[in-house]
Amino acid sequence: MSIKKKTDELLKINRQILKCSVCLKSAKGLLVPGEGSRSAEIVLVGEAPGKNEAVTGKPFIGRAGKLLDSLLETIKLDRNDIFITSAVKYLPKTYITPKPADIEHGRIHLFAQLEAIQPRVIVLMGNTAAMAVLHEKFSIAKDHGKFIIRDGLIYFLSYHPAAPLYSPKLREIIIKDFKKLKRYIK
């Protein structure tokens, strides 16, 4: 698919997300479709927007976003060269962690984005992202740093960038995961 077609398709998907009645009804704040390069070889998928993201409509701009930026810097990846999104495109109104129905609905939008971008590697950051994309439960504590090849696509499992904020010992682990990702993509 040409860059123009990818751009047009992603813009169309973003408009659909921003007008989605299910997302709008369930959201606290703005919807966050995601952002980045339309020709990204790497797509990072998180769980759902947090409070800062729901205010701005931009992905990963809070504390977890700052950690993500430092991880990307560590492996010399520019945010403009990748695409960053979430399994669920909104901060749920009455709870923080998305419920299975949120995840199932979010798959519609997420898979449309992945189909349009056609990345080489999809980084699944956390259990919710892994469940949303691969439709099976993983233990990120056990499975982080693993590559999974399924249906011709390459997935990489890692902790969510928020994890080290709550458990600082995970910072070194997630840095090692991202370094492993860098070695693979070279």
N, C-alpha and C. Protein backbone atom coordinates (compact mmCIF):
# COMPACT_ATOMS: atom_id res chain seq x y z
N MET A 1 0.86 -1.18 0.00
CA MET A 1 0.00 0.00 0.00
C MET A 1 0.90 1.24 0.00
N SER A 2 0.59 2.21 -0.84
CA SER A 2 1.39 3.43 -0.92
C SER A 2 1.20 4.27 0.34
N ILE A 3 2.16 5.18 0.57
CA ILE A 3 2.10 6.06 1.74
C ILE A 3 0.82 6.90 1.69
N LYS A 4 0.46 7.38 0.51
CA LYS A 4 -0.75 8.20 0.40
C LYS A 4 -1.98 7.39 0.78
N LYS A 5 -2.05 6.15 0.29
CA LYS A 5 -3.20 5.30 0.63
C LYS A 5 -3.23 4.99 2.12
N LYS A 6 -2.05 4.71 2.70
CA LYS A 6 -1.98 4.46 4.14
C LYS A 6 -2.45 5.68 4.93
N THR A 7 -1.97 6.85 4.50
CA THR A 7 -2.36 8.09 5.18
C THR A 7 -3.86 8.30 5.09
N ASP A 8 -4.41 8.15 3.91
CA ASP A 8 -5.85 8.33 3.72
C ASP A 8 -6.63 7.33 4.56
N GLU A 9 -6.18 6.08 4.58
CA GLU A 9 -6.88 5.04 5.33
C GLU A 9 -6.82 5.32 6.84
N LEU A 10 -5.64 5.72 7.32
CA LEU A 10 -5.52 6.02 8.76
C LEU A 10 -6.35 7.23 9.16
N LEU A 11 -6.40 8.23 8.30
CA LEU A 11 -7.25 9.40 8.59
C LEU A 11 -8.72 8.99 8.66
N LYS A 12 -9.12 8.12 7.75
CA LYS A 12 -10.50 7.61 7.75
C LYS A 12 -10.78 6.84 9.05
N ILE A 13 -9.85 5.98 9.45
CA ILE A 13 -10.01 5.20 10.68
C ILE A 13 -10.07 6.12 11.89
N ASN A 14 -9.20 7.13 11.93
CA ASN A 14 -9.22 8.09 13.04
C ASN A 14 -10.57 8.79 13.14
N ARG A 15 -11.10 9.19 12.00
CA ARG A 15 -12.42 9.85 12.00
C ARG A 15 -13.49 8.89 12.52
N GLN A 16 -13.41 7.62 12.12
CA GLN A 16 -14.37 6.63 12.61
C GLN A 16 -14.26 6.45 14.11
N ILE A 17 -13.03 6.41 14.62
CA ILE A 17 -12.82 6.28 16.07
C ILE A 17 -13.42 7.48 16.79
N LEU A 18 -13.11 8.67 16.31
CA LEU A 18 -13.56 9.90 16.98
C LEU A 18 -15.08 10.07 16.94
N LYS A 19 -15.75 9.37 16.03
CA LYS A 19 -17.21 9.45 15.94
C LYS A 19 -17.90 8.18 16.48
N CYS A 20 -17.12 7.23 16.95
CA CYS A 20 -17.67 5.94 17.38
C CYS A 20 -18.59 6.11 18.59
N SER A 21 -19.84 5.74 18.42
CA SER A 21 -20.82 5.93 19.50
C SER A 21 -20.50 5.07 20.73
N VAL A 22 -19.97 3.88 20.52
CA VAL A 22 -19.61 3.01 21.65
C VAL A 22 -18.47 3.65 22.45
N CYS A 23 -17.44 4.10 21.75
CA CYS A 23 -16.30 4.75 22.42
C CYS A 23 -16.74 6.03 23.14
N LEU A 24 -17.51 6.86 22.44
CA LEU A 24 -17.95 8.13 23.04
C LEU A 24 -18.80 7.91 24.28
N LYS A 25 -19.66 6.91 24.23
CA LYS A 25 -20.54 6.62 25.37
C LYS A 25 -19.75 6.14 26.58
N SER A 26 -18.66 5.43 26.35
CA SER A 26 -17.89 4.81 27.43
C SER A 26 -16.74 5.67 27.94
N ALA A 27 -16.42 6.74 27.21
CA ALA A 27 -15.20 7.50 27.48
C ALA A 27 -15.36 8.57 28.54
N LYS A 28 -14.29 8.72 29.30
CA LYS A 28 -14.14 9.86 30.20
C LYS A 28 -13.09 10.73 29.53
N GLY A 29 -13.48 11.84 28.98
CA GLY A 29 -12.55 12.71 28.28
C GLY A 29 -12.51 12.42 26.79
N LEU A 30 -11.43 12.85 26.17
CA LEU A 30 -11.27 12.71 24.72
C LEU A 30 -10.89 11.29 24.33
N LEU A 31 -11.25 10.92 23.12
CA LEU A 31 -10.79 9.66 22.55
C LEU A 31 -9.36 9.85 22.07
N VAL A 32 -8.58 8.78 22.07
CA VAL A 32 -7.17 8.84 21.70
C VAL A 32 -6.89 7.76 20.66
N PRO A 33 -7.04 8.10 19.37
CA PRO A 33 -6.83 7.10 18.33
C PRO A 33 -5.40 6.58 18.24
N GLY A 34 -4.44 7.44 18.51
CA GLY A 34 -3.03 7.08 18.34
C GLY A 34 -2.39 8.05 17.38
N GLU A 35 -1.07 7.97 17.26
CA GLU A 35 -0.37 8.88 16.35
C GLU A 35 1.00 8.31 15.99
N GLY A 36 1.53 8.85 14.92
CA GLY A 36 2.86 8.44 14.49
C GLY A 36 2.93 8.28 12.99
N SER A 37 3.97 7.61 12.57
CA SER A 37 4.25 7.43 11.15
C SER A 37 3.25 6.47 10.51
N ARG A 38 2.76 6.88 9.37
CA ARG A 38 1.83 6.04 8.60
C ARG A 38 2.55 4.85 7.98
N SER A 39 3.89 4.97 7.85
CA SER A 39 4.66 3.88 7.26
C SER A 39 5.55 3.22 8.32
N ALA A 40 5.12 3.26 9.55
CA ALA A 40 5.90 2.72 10.66
C ALA A 40 6.16 1.22 10.49
N GLU A 41 7.39 0.82 10.74
CA GLU A 41 7.71 -0.60 10.77
C GLU A 41 7.39 -1.18 12.13
N ILE A 42 7.26 -0.28 13.13
CA ILE A 42 6.98 -0.71 14.49
C ILE A 42 5.76 0.02 15.01
N VAL A 43 4.82 -0.74 15.54
CA VAL A 43 3.65 -0.17 16.21
C VAL A 43 3.71 -0.60 17.67
N LEU A 44 3.59 0.37 18.55
CA LEU A 44 3.53 0.10 19.99
C LEU A 44 2.08 0.18 20.43
N VAL A 45 1.63 -0.86 21.13
CA VAL A 45 0.24 -0.93 21.58
C VAL A 45 0.22 -0.99 23.10
N GLY A 46 -0.44 -0.01 23.70
CA GLY A 46 -0.61 0.02 25.15
C GLY A 46 -2.00 -0.47 25.53
N GLU A 47 -2.40 -0.15 26.75
CA GLU A 47 -3.67 -0.62 27.30
C GLU A 47 -4.82 0.30 26.91
N ALA A 48 -4.81 1.50 27.45
CA ALA A 48 -5.85 2.51 27.22
C ALA A 48 -5.28 3.85 27.64
N PRO A 49 -5.83 4.94 27.16
CA PRO A 49 -5.33 6.24 27.59
C PRO A 49 -5.50 6.44 29.09
N GLY A 50 -4.60 7.22 29.65
CA GLY A 50 -4.72 7.63 31.05
C GLY A 50 -5.38 9.00 31.12
N LYS A 51 -5.36 9.59 32.30
CA LYS A 51 -6.03 10.88 32.52
C LYS A 51 -5.43 11.99 31.66
N ASN A 52 -4.09 12.06 31.58
CA ASN A 52 -3.46 13.11 30.76
C ASN A 52 -3.81 12.95 29.29
N GLU A 53 -3.81 11.72 28.83
CA GLU A 53 -4.13 11.45 27.43
C GLU A 53 -5.58 11.80 27.13
N ALA A 54 -6.48 11.53 28.07
CA ALA A 54 -7.91 11.82 27.88
C ALA A 54 -8.18 13.32 27.86
N VAL A 55 -7.26 14.11 28.40
CA VAL A 55 -7.40 15.57 28.35
C VAL A 55 -6.91 16.12 27.01
N THR A 56 -5.84 15.53 26.48
CA THR A 56 -5.20 16.07 25.27
C THR A 56 -5.56 15.35 23.98
N GLY A 57 -5.97 14.07 24.08
CA GLY A 57 -6.22 13.28 22.88
C GLY A 57 -4.95 12.70 22.29
N LYS A 58 -3.83 12.82 22.98
CA LYS A 58 -2.53 12.32 22.50
C LYS A 58 -2.11 11.11 23.33
N PRO A 59 -1.49 10.10 22.68
CA PRO A 59 -1.08 8.90 23.43
C PRO A 59 0.24 9.09 24.19
N PHE A 60 0.32 8.46 25.34
CA PHE A 60 1.55 8.38 26.13
C PHE A 60 2.23 9.73 26.33
N ILE A 61 1.53 10.64 27.01
CA ILE A 61 2.14 11.93 27.32
C ILE A 61 2.33 12.16 28.81
N GLY A 62 1.79 11.29 29.63
CA GLY A 62 1.95 11.43 31.08
C GLY A 62 3.27 10.83 31.55
N ARG A 63 3.30 10.40 32.79
CA ARG A 63 4.52 9.82 33.36
C ARG A 63 4.98 8.57 32.61
N ALA A 64 4.03 7.72 32.24
CA ALA A 64 4.39 6.52 31.47
C ALA A 64 4.92 6.91 30.10
N GLY A 65 4.38 7.97 29.53
CA GLY A 65 4.86 8.46 28.24
C GLY A 65 6.29 8.97 28.31
N LYS A 66 6.62 9.63 29.40
CA LYS A 66 8.00 10.11 29.58
C LYS A 66 8.97 8.93 29.69
N LEU A 67 8.53 7.89 30.40
CA LEU A 67 9.36 6.69 30.48
C LEU A 67 9.48 6.03 29.11
N LEU A 68 8.38 5.97 28.37
CA LEU A 68 8.42 5.41 27.03
C LEU A 68 9.38 6.20 26.15
N ASP A 69 9.33 7.52 26.24
CA ASP A 69 10.26 8.35 25.45
C ASP A 69 11.71 8.03 25.79
N SER A 70 12.00 7.83 27.07
CA SER A 70 13.38 7.50 27.45
C SER A 70 13.77 6.11 26.94
N LEU A 71 12.82 5.17 26.93
CA LEU A 71 13.10 3.85 26.37
C LEU A 71 13.40 3.94 24.88
N LEU A 72 12.60 4.72 24.18
CA LEU A 72 12.83 4.90 22.74
C LEU A 72 14.17 5.56 22.49
N GLU A 73 14.51 6.54 23.30
CA GLU A 73 15.80 7.23 23.18
C GLU A 73 16.95 6.24 23.41
N THR A 74 16.78 5.37 24.39
CA THR A 74 17.81 4.37 24.71
C THR A 74 18.13 3.50 23.50
N ILE A 75 17.11 3.18 22.72
CA ILE A 75 17.35 2.31 21.55
C ILE A 75 17.36 3.11 20.24
N LYS A 76 17.48 4.43 20.38
CA LYS A 76 17.61 5.33 19.23
C LYS A 76 16.47 5.20 18.22
N LEU A 77 15.26 5.14 18.77
CA LEU A 77 14.06 5.18 17.93
C LEU A 77 13.38 6.52 18.17
N ASP A 78 12.99 7.16 17.10
CA ASP A 78 12.29 8.43 17.20
C ASP A 78 10.79 8.17 17.19
N ARG A 79 10.08 8.87 18.06
CA ARG A 79 8.62 8.73 18.16
C ARG A 79 7.95 8.98 16.81
N ASN A 80 8.54 9.82 15.98
CA ASN A 80 7.96 10.13 14.67
C ASN A 80 8.11 8.99 13.67
N ASP A 81 8.96 8.01 13.97
CA ASP A 81 9.19 6.90 13.05
C ASP A 81 8.37 5.66 13.37
N ILE A 82 7.64 5.71 14.48
CA ILE A 82 6.82 4.58 14.88
C ILE A 82 5.37 5.04 14.99
N PHE A 83 4.47 4.12 15.28
CA PHE A 83 3.08 4.47 15.53
C PHE A 83 2.74 3.98 16.92
N ILE A 84 2.13 4.85 17.72
CA ILE A 84 1.78 4.52 19.10
C ILE A 84 0.27 4.60 19.26
N THR A 85 -0.30 3.54 19.80
CA THR A 85 -1.74 3.50 20.01
C THR A 85 -2.05 2.63 21.23
N SER A 86 -3.32 2.40 21.46
CA SER A 86 -3.75 1.57 22.59
C SER A 86 -4.80 0.57 22.13
N ALA A 87 -4.94 -0.47 22.92
CA ALA A 87 -5.95 -1.49 22.63
C ALA A 87 -7.35 -0.90 22.74
N VAL A 88 -7.54 -0.02 23.72
CA VAL A 88 -8.81 0.68 23.92
C VAL A 88 -8.53 2.15 23.67
N LYS A 89 -9.39 2.82 22.96
CA LYS A 89 -9.13 4.19 22.51
C LYS A 89 -9.65 5.26 23.47
N TYR A 90 -10.08 4.87 24.65
CA TYR A 90 -10.62 5.83 25.61
C TYR A 90 -10.30 5.42 27.03
N LEU A 91 -10.32 6.41 27.92
CA LEU A 91 -10.24 6.17 29.36
C LEU A 91 -11.65 5.82 29.81
N PRO A 92 -11.86 4.60 30.29
CA PRO A 92 -13.22 4.23 30.73
C PRO A 92 -13.73 5.16 31.84
N LYS A 93 -15.01 5.48 31.78
CA LYS A 93 -15.63 6.43 32.71
C LYS A 93 -15.55 6.01 34.17
N THR A 94 -15.85 4.77 34.46
CA THR A 94 -16.04 4.37 35.86
C THR A 94 -14.95 3.48 36.43
N TYR A 95 -13.92 3.20 35.66
CA TYR A 95 -12.84 2.34 36.13
C TYR A 95 -11.60 2.65 35.31
N ILE A 96 -10.46 2.19 35.75
CA ILE A 96 -9.22 2.49 35.04
C ILE A 96 -8.85 1.38 34.07
N THR A 97 -8.84 0.15 34.53
CA THR A 97 -8.47 -0.97 33.67
C THR A 97 -9.64 -1.33 32.77
N PRO A 98 -9.39 -1.40 31.45
CA PRO A 98 -10.48 -1.77 30.55
C PRO A 98 -11.04 -3.15 30.85
N LYS A 99 -12.34 -3.27 30.69
CA LYS A 99 -13.01 -4.56 30.89
C LYS A 99 -13.00 -5.33 29.56
N PRO A 100 -13.28 -6.62 29.61
CA PRO A 100 -13.27 -7.42 28.37
C PRO A 100 -14.12 -6.82 27.24
N ALA A 101 -15.26 -6.24 27.55
CA ALA A 101 -16.10 -5.64 26.50
C ALA A 101 -15.40 -4.45 25.86
N ASP A 102 -14.68 -3.66 26.66
CA ASP A 102 -13.91 -2.52 26.11
C ASP A 102 -12.83 -3.04 25.17
N ILE A 103 -12.14 -4.07 25.61
CA ILE A 103 -11.05 -4.64 24.81
C ILE A 103 -11.58 -5.22 23.51
N GLU A 104 -12.67 -5.96 23.60
CA GLU A 104 -13.25 -6.57 22.40
C GLU A 104 -13.67 -5.50 21.39
N HIS A 105 -14.31 -4.43 21.87
CA HIS A 105 -14.69 -3.36 20.96
C HIS A 105 -13.46 -2.66 20.39
N GLY A 106 -12.46 -2.43 21.24
CA GLY A 106 -11.24 -1.74 20.79
C GLY A 106 -10.52 -2.48 19.69
N ARG A 107 -10.66 -3.79 19.68
CA ARG A 107 -10.01 -4.60 18.63
C ARG A 107 -10.44 -4.17 17.23
N ILE A 108 -11.68 -3.75 17.09
CA ILE A 108 -12.19 -3.32 15.77
C ILE A 108 -11.32 -2.20 15.24
N HIS A 109 -11.12 -1.18 16.07
CA HIS A 109 -10.33 -0.01 15.65
C HIS A 109 -8.85 -0.36 15.52
N LEU A 110 -8.34 -1.10 16.48
CA LEU A 110 -6.92 -1.44 16.49
C LEU A 110 -6.54 -2.27 15.26
N PHE A 111 -7.33 -3.28 14.95
CA PHE A 111 -7.00 -4.11 13.80
C PHE A 111 -7.12 -3.36 12.48
N ALA A 112 -8.04 -2.40 12.41
CA ALA A 112 -8.13 -1.56 11.22
C ALA A 112 -6.84 -0.74 11.07
N GLN A 113 -6.34 -0.20 12.19
CA GLN A 113 -5.08 0.57 12.14
C GLN A 113 -3.91 -0.33 11.72
N LEU A 114 -3.82 -1.49 12.31
CA LEU A 114 -2.71 -2.40 11.98
C LEU A 114 -2.77 -2.83 10.52
N GLU A 115 -3.95 -3.06 10.03
CA GLU A 115 -4.12 -3.44 8.61
C GLU A 115 -3.66 -2.31 7.69
N ALA A 116 -3.97 -1.09 8.05
CA ALA A 116 -3.58 0.06 7.23
C ALA A 116 -2.07 0.30 7.28
N ILE A 117 -1.48 0.20 8.46
CA ILE A 117 -0.05 0.49 8.61
C ILE A 117 0.82 -0.66 8.10
N GLN A 118 0.41 -1.88 8.35
CA GLN A 118 1.16 -3.08 7.98
C GLN A 118 2.59 -3.04 8.53
N PRO A 119 2.70 -2.96 9.86
CA PRO A 119 4.03 -2.88 10.46
C PRO A 119 4.79 -4.20 10.38
N ARG A 120 6.10 -4.11 10.57
CA ARG A 120 6.93 -5.31 10.61
C ARG A 120 6.85 -5.97 11.99
N VAL A 121 6.80 -5.13 13.05
CA VAL A 121 6.77 -5.63 14.42
C VAL A 121 5.70 -4.87 15.20
N ILE A 122 4.92 -5.61 15.98
CA ILE A 122 3.90 -5.02 16.85
C ILE A 122 4.33 -5.30 18.29
N VAL A 123 4.62 -4.22 19.03
CA VAL A 123 5.06 -4.34 20.41
C VAL A 123 3.84 -4.26 21.31
N LEU A 124 3.59 -5.31 22.05
CA LEU A 124 2.43 -5.39 22.93
C LEU A 124 2.91 -5.08 24.35
N MET A 125 2.53 -3.90 24.82
CA MET A 125 3.02 -3.42 26.11
C MET A 125 2.00 -3.70 27.20
N GLY A 126 2.19 -4.83 27.87
CA GLY A 126 1.31 -5.20 28.97
C GLY A 126 0.31 -6.28 28.62
N ASN A 127 -0.30 -6.81 29.66
CA ASN A 127 -1.26 -7.91 29.51
C ASN A 127 -2.48 -7.54 28.68
N THR A 128 -3.00 -6.33 28.89
CA THR A 128 -4.21 -5.93 28.15
C THR A 128 -3.94 -5.85 26.66
N ALA A 129 -2.80 -5.28 26.27
CA ALA A 129 -2.46 -5.19 24.85
C ALA A 129 -2.29 -6.58 24.26
N ALA A 130 -1.61 -7.46 24.99
CA ALA A 130 -1.41 -8.83 24.50
C ALA A 130 -2.74 -9.55 24.33
N MET A 131 -3.62 -9.40 25.31
CA MET A 131 -4.94 -10.03 25.24
C MET A 131 -5.75 -9.48 24.06
N ALA A 132 -5.69 -8.17 23.88
CA ALA A 132 -6.47 -7.54 22.80
C ALA A 132 -6.02 -8.02 21.43
N VAL A 133 -4.73 -8.09 21.23
CA VAL A 133 -4.22 -8.40 19.90
C VAL A 133 -4.16 -9.91 19.64
N LEU A 134 -3.65 -10.65 20.59
CA LEU A 134 -3.47 -12.09 20.36
C LEU A 134 -4.64 -12.94 20.85
N HIS A 135 -5.58 -12.29 21.53
CA HIS A 135 -6.80 -12.94 22.00
C HIS A 135 -6.52 -14.15 22.88
N GLU A 136 -5.47 -14.00 23.69
CA GLU A 136 -5.18 -15.02 24.69
C GLU A 136 -4.45 -14.36 25.85
N LYS A 137 -4.55 -14.99 27.01
CA LYS A 137 -3.93 -14.41 28.20
C LYS A 137 -2.44 -14.77 28.24
N PHE A 138 -1.67 -13.77 28.62
CA PHE A 138 -0.24 -13.95 28.84
C PHE A 138 0.09 -13.43 30.22
N SER A 139 1.18 -13.90 30.74
CA SER A 139 1.74 -13.35 31.96
C SER A 139 2.97 -12.57 31.53
N ILE A 140 2.84 -11.27 31.47
CA ILE A 140 3.97 -10.45 31.03
C ILE A 140 5.17 -10.67 31.93
N ALA A 141 4.94 -10.93 33.22
CA ALA A 141 6.05 -11.20 34.13
C ALA A 141 6.87 -12.40 33.65
N LYS A 142 6.20 -13.36 33.05
CA LYS A 142 6.87 -14.57 32.57
C LYS A 142 7.26 -14.46 31.09
N ASP A 143 6.43 -13.80 30.30
CA ASP A 143 6.59 -13.82 28.85
C ASP A 143 7.24 -12.58 28.25
N HIS A 144 7.57 -11.58 29.08
CA HIS A 144 8.17 -10.36 28.51
C HIS A 144 9.47 -10.72 27.79
N GLY A 145 9.77 -9.94 26.77
CA GLY A 145 10.99 -10.16 26.00
C GLY A 145 10.87 -11.24 24.95
N LYS A 146 9.69 -11.83 24.79
CA LYS A 146 9.48 -12.90 23.80
C LYS A 146 8.90 -12.34 22.51
N PHE A 147 9.34 -12.95 21.43
CA PHE A 147 8.75 -12.69 20.12
C PHE A 147 7.78 -13.82 19.83
N ILE A 148 6.66 -13.46 19.24
CA ILE A 148 5.66 -14.44 18.83
C ILE A 148 5.37 -14.18 17.37
N ILE A 149 5.45 -15.21 16.57
CA ILE A 149 5.10 -15.07 15.15
C ILE A 149 3.80 -15.82 14.94
N ARG A 150 2.82 -15.06 14.44
CA ARG A 150 1.50 -15.64 14.25
C ARG A 150 0.86 -15.01 13.01
N ASP A 151 0.35 -15.85 12.14
CA ASP A 151 -0.31 -15.38 10.91
C ASP A 151 0.57 -14.43 10.11
N GLY A 152 1.85 -14.71 10.09
CA GLY A 152 2.78 -13.90 9.31
C GLY A 152 3.16 -12.58 9.96
N LEU A 153 2.70 -12.32 11.17
CA LEU A 153 3.04 -11.08 11.87
C LEU A 153 3.95 -11.37 13.05
N ILE A 154 4.79 -10.40 13.38
CA ILE A 154 5.74 -10.54 14.48
C ILE A 154 5.29 -9.66 15.64
N TYR A 155 5.13 -10.28 16.79
CA TYR A 155 4.72 -9.57 18.00
C TYR A 155 5.84 -9.67 19.03
N PHE A 156 6.01 -8.61 19.79
CA PHE A 156 7.00 -8.59 20.86
C PHE A 156 6.29 -8.22 22.15
N LEU A 157 6.48 -9.04 23.19
CA LEU A 157 5.81 -8.81 24.47
C LEU A 157 6.74 -8.06 25.42
N SER A 158 6.20 -7.02 26.04
CA SER A 158 6.97 -6.27 27.03
C SER A 158 6.03 -5.73 28.10
N TYR A 159 6.62 -5.25 29.16
CA TYR A 159 5.84 -4.57 30.19
C TYR A 159 5.30 -3.26 29.64
N HIS A 160 4.22 -2.80 30.20
CA HIS A 160 3.70 -1.47 29.91
C HIS A 160 4.64 -0.45 30.54
N PRO A 161 4.88 0.69 29.89
CA PRO A 161 5.79 1.68 30.46
C PRO A 161 5.36 2.23 31.82
N ALA A 162 4.11 2.03 32.21
CA ALA A 162 3.68 2.47 33.54
C ALA A 162 4.15 1.51 34.63
N ALA A 163 4.46 0.27 34.28
CA ALA A 163 4.82 -0.74 35.28
C ALA A 163 5.99 -0.30 36.18
N PRO A 164 7.08 0.24 35.62
CA PRO A 164 8.18 0.66 36.49
C PRO A 164 7.83 1.83 37.41
N LEU A 165 6.78 2.55 37.11
CA LEU A 165 6.36 3.65 37.98
C LEU A 165 5.83 3.12 39.30
N TYR A 166 5.27 1.92 39.25
CA TYR A 166 4.69 1.30 40.44
C TYR A 166 5.63 0.27 41.07
N SER A 167 6.51 -0.27 40.25
CA SER A 167 7.47 -1.26 40.73
C SER A 167 8.83 -0.93 40.08
N PRO A 168 9.61 -0.05 40.72
CA PRO A 168 10.86 0.44 40.13
C PRO A 168 11.83 -0.64 39.66
N LYS A 169 11.79 -1.82 40.28
CA LYS A 169 12.71 -2.89 39.86
C LYS A 169 12.45 -3.33 38.41
N LEU A 170 11.27 -3.01 37.88
CA LEU A 170 10.94 -3.40 36.50
C LEU A 170 11.60 -2.49 35.46
N ARG A 171 12.13 -1.37 35.89
CA ARG A 171 12.75 -0.43 34.95
C ARG A 171 13.88 -1.10 34.17
N GLU A 172 14.78 -1.79 34.87
CA GLU A 172 15.90 -2.46 34.19
C GLU A 172 15.40 -3.57 33.27
N ILE A 173 14.34 -4.25 33.68
CA ILE A 173 13.80 -5.33 32.86
C ILE A 173 13.22 -4.78 31.56
N ILE A 174 12.47 -3.70 31.65
CA ILE A 174 11.87 -3.13 30.44
C ILE A 174 12.94 -2.53 29.53
N ILE A 175 14.00 -1.98 30.11
CA ILE A 175 15.11 -1.48 29.30
C ILE A 175 15.75 -2.64 28.53
N LYS A 176 15.96 -3.77 29.20
CA LYS A 176 16.53 -4.95 28.53
C LYS A 176 15.60 -5.44 27.42
N ASP A 177 14.29 -5.43 27.68
CA ASP A 177 13.33 -5.83 26.65
C ASP A 177 13.48 -4.95 25.41
N PHE A 178 13.53 -3.65 25.61
CA PHE A 178 13.62 -2.73 24.48
C PHE A 178 14.95 -2.86 23.75
N LYS A 179 16.02 -3.17 24.47
CA LYS A 179 17.31 -3.41 23.81
C LYS A 179 17.24 -4.67 22.96
N LYS A 180 16.54 -5.68 23.45
CA LYS A 180 16.35 -6.91 22.67
C LYS A 180 15.55 -6.60 21.40
N LEU A 181 14.52 -5.76 21.55
CA LEU A 181 13.73 -5.33 20.39
C LEU A 181 14.64 -4.62 19.37
N LYS A 182 15.49 -3.74 19.83
CA LYS A 182 16.40 -3.01 18.93
C LYS A 182 17.29 -3.98 18.16
N ARG A 183 17.87 -4.96 18.86
CA ARG A 183 18.74 -5.94 18.17
C ARG A 183 17.96 -6.67 17.08
N TYR A 184 16.69 -6.98 17.37
CA TYR A 184 15.87 -7.70 16.41
C TYR A 184 15.55 -6.86 15.17
N ILE A 185 15.22 -5.61 15.39
CA ILE A 185 14.79 -4.79 14.25
C ILE A 185 15.96 -4.33 13.38
N LYS A 186 17.17 -4.45 13.91
CA LYS A 186 18.35 -4.12 13.07
C LYS A 186 18.57 -5.26 12.15
